[in-house]
Protein backbone atom coordinates (compact mmCIF):
# COMPACT_ATOMS: atom_id res chain seq x y z
CA UNK A 1 -0.02 -0.06 -0.03
CA UNK A 2 1.23 3.48 -1.02
CA UNK A 3 1.62 6.77 1.19
CA UNK A 4 2.11 9.96 -0.45
CA UNK A 5 3.27 12.82 2.00
CA UNK A 6 3.10 16.30 0.78
CA UNK A 7 4.17 19.68 2.20
CA UNK A 8 7.04 18.47 4.42
CA UNK A 9 9.65 21.02 5.57
CA UNK A 10 12.87 20.91 3.65
CA UNK A 11 15.07 20.86 6.35
CA UNK A 12 13.06 17.38 7.53
CA UNK A 13 13.53 16.10 4.27
CA UNK A 14 17.19 16.78 4.41
CA UNK A 15 17.32 15.36 7.63
CA UNK A 16 15.74 12.16 6.66
CA UNK A 17 18.03 11.61 3.76
CA UNK A 18 20.90 11.92 6.09
CA UNK A 19 19.57 9.67 8.41
CA UNK A 20 18.84 7.17 5.63
CA UNK A 21 22.34 7.47 3.95
CA UNK A 22 23.79 6.63 7.35
CA UNK A 23 22.12 3.40 7.26
CA UNK A 24 22.78 2.78 3.66
CA UNK A 25 19.02 2.73 2.78
CA UNK A 26 16.91 5.06 0.48
CA UNK A 27 14.71 7.89 1.70
CA UNK A 28 11.45 5.72 0.86
CA UNK A 29 12.97 2.28 2.75
CA UNK A 30 14.03 4.42 5.83
CA UNK A 31 10.53 6.14 6.06
CA UNK A 32 8.85 2.96 5.66
CA UNK A 33 10.73 1.21 8.36
CA UNK A 34 10.15 4.14 10.87
CA UNK A 35 6.36 4.01 10.01
CA UNK A 36 6.25 0.15 10.36
CA UNK A 37 8.13 0.44 13.75
CA UNK A 38 6.31 3.02 15.24
CA UNK A 39 2.93 1.02 14.32
CA UNK A 40 4.70 -2.05 16.12
CA UNK A 41 5.63 -0.60 19.14
CA UNK A 42 2.38 0.99 19.27
CA UNK A 43 0.59 -2.48 18.95
CA UNK A 44 3.16 -3.58 21.57
CA UNK A 45 2.42 -0.83 24.37
CA UNK A 46 -1.41 -1.61 24.12
CA UNK A 47 -0.54 -5.41 24.71
CA UNK A 48 1.92 -4.66 27.47
CA UNK A 49 -0.66 -2.80 29.20
CA UNK A 50 -3.29 -5.23 28.91
CA UNK A 51 -1.02 -7.70 30.38
CA UNK A 52 -0.22 -5.76 33.47
CA UNK A 53 -3.69 -5.13 33.92
CA UNK A 54 -4.36 -8.82 33.90
CA UNK A 55 -1.14 -9.61 36.15
CA UNK A 56 -2.87 -6.96 38.68
CA UNK A 57 -6.01 -8.91 38.64
CA UNK A 58 -4.02 -12.17 39.15
CA UNK A 59 -2.10 -10.83 41.74
CA UNK A 60 -5.25 -9.66 43.73
CA UNK A 61 -6.89 -12.86 43.16
CA UNK A 62 -3.62 -14.86 44.59
CA UNK A 63 -3.88 -12.72 47.58
CA UNK A 64 -7.60 -13.51 48.02
CA UNK A 65 -6.94 -17.41 47.75
CA UNK A 66 -3.65 -16.68 49.97
CA UNK A 67 -6.20 -15.19 52.77
CA UNK A 68 -8.93 -17.85 52.33
CA UNK A 69 -6.21 -20.61 52.60
CA UNK A 70 -4.92 -19.05 56.05
CA UNK A 71 -8.53 -18.77 57.51
CA UNK A 72 -9.01 -22.40 56.70
CA UNK A 73 -5.73 -23.34 57.96
CA UNK A 74 -6.72 -21.49 61.46
CA UNK A 75 -9.98 -23.39 61.29
CA UNK A 76 -8.52 -27.03 60.79
CA UNK A 77 -5.66 -25.98 63.79
CA UNK A 78 -8.68 -25.10 66.05
CA UNK A 79 -10.70 -28.28 65.01
CA UNK A 80 -7.56 -30.51 65.55
CA UNK A 81 -6.78 -28.78 68.94
CA UNK A 82 -10.23 -29.86 70.10
């Protein structure tokens, strides 16, 4: 798929050309890689946010389970002591 960008400041184009040349790439290749990298990083950030949220939920659930087990152990100890 093609993307055409118009009215880019000449200074920005010159800098893109310099960066591309330093990597041995054409301007088009360099800009394509920049766009793809930005897109993939944005997608990754969304995934990381969802995973962190799920981790928080799992941690809370484990704390609740741990508290329940502690209560059960206390009840069992009382029953054994009787």
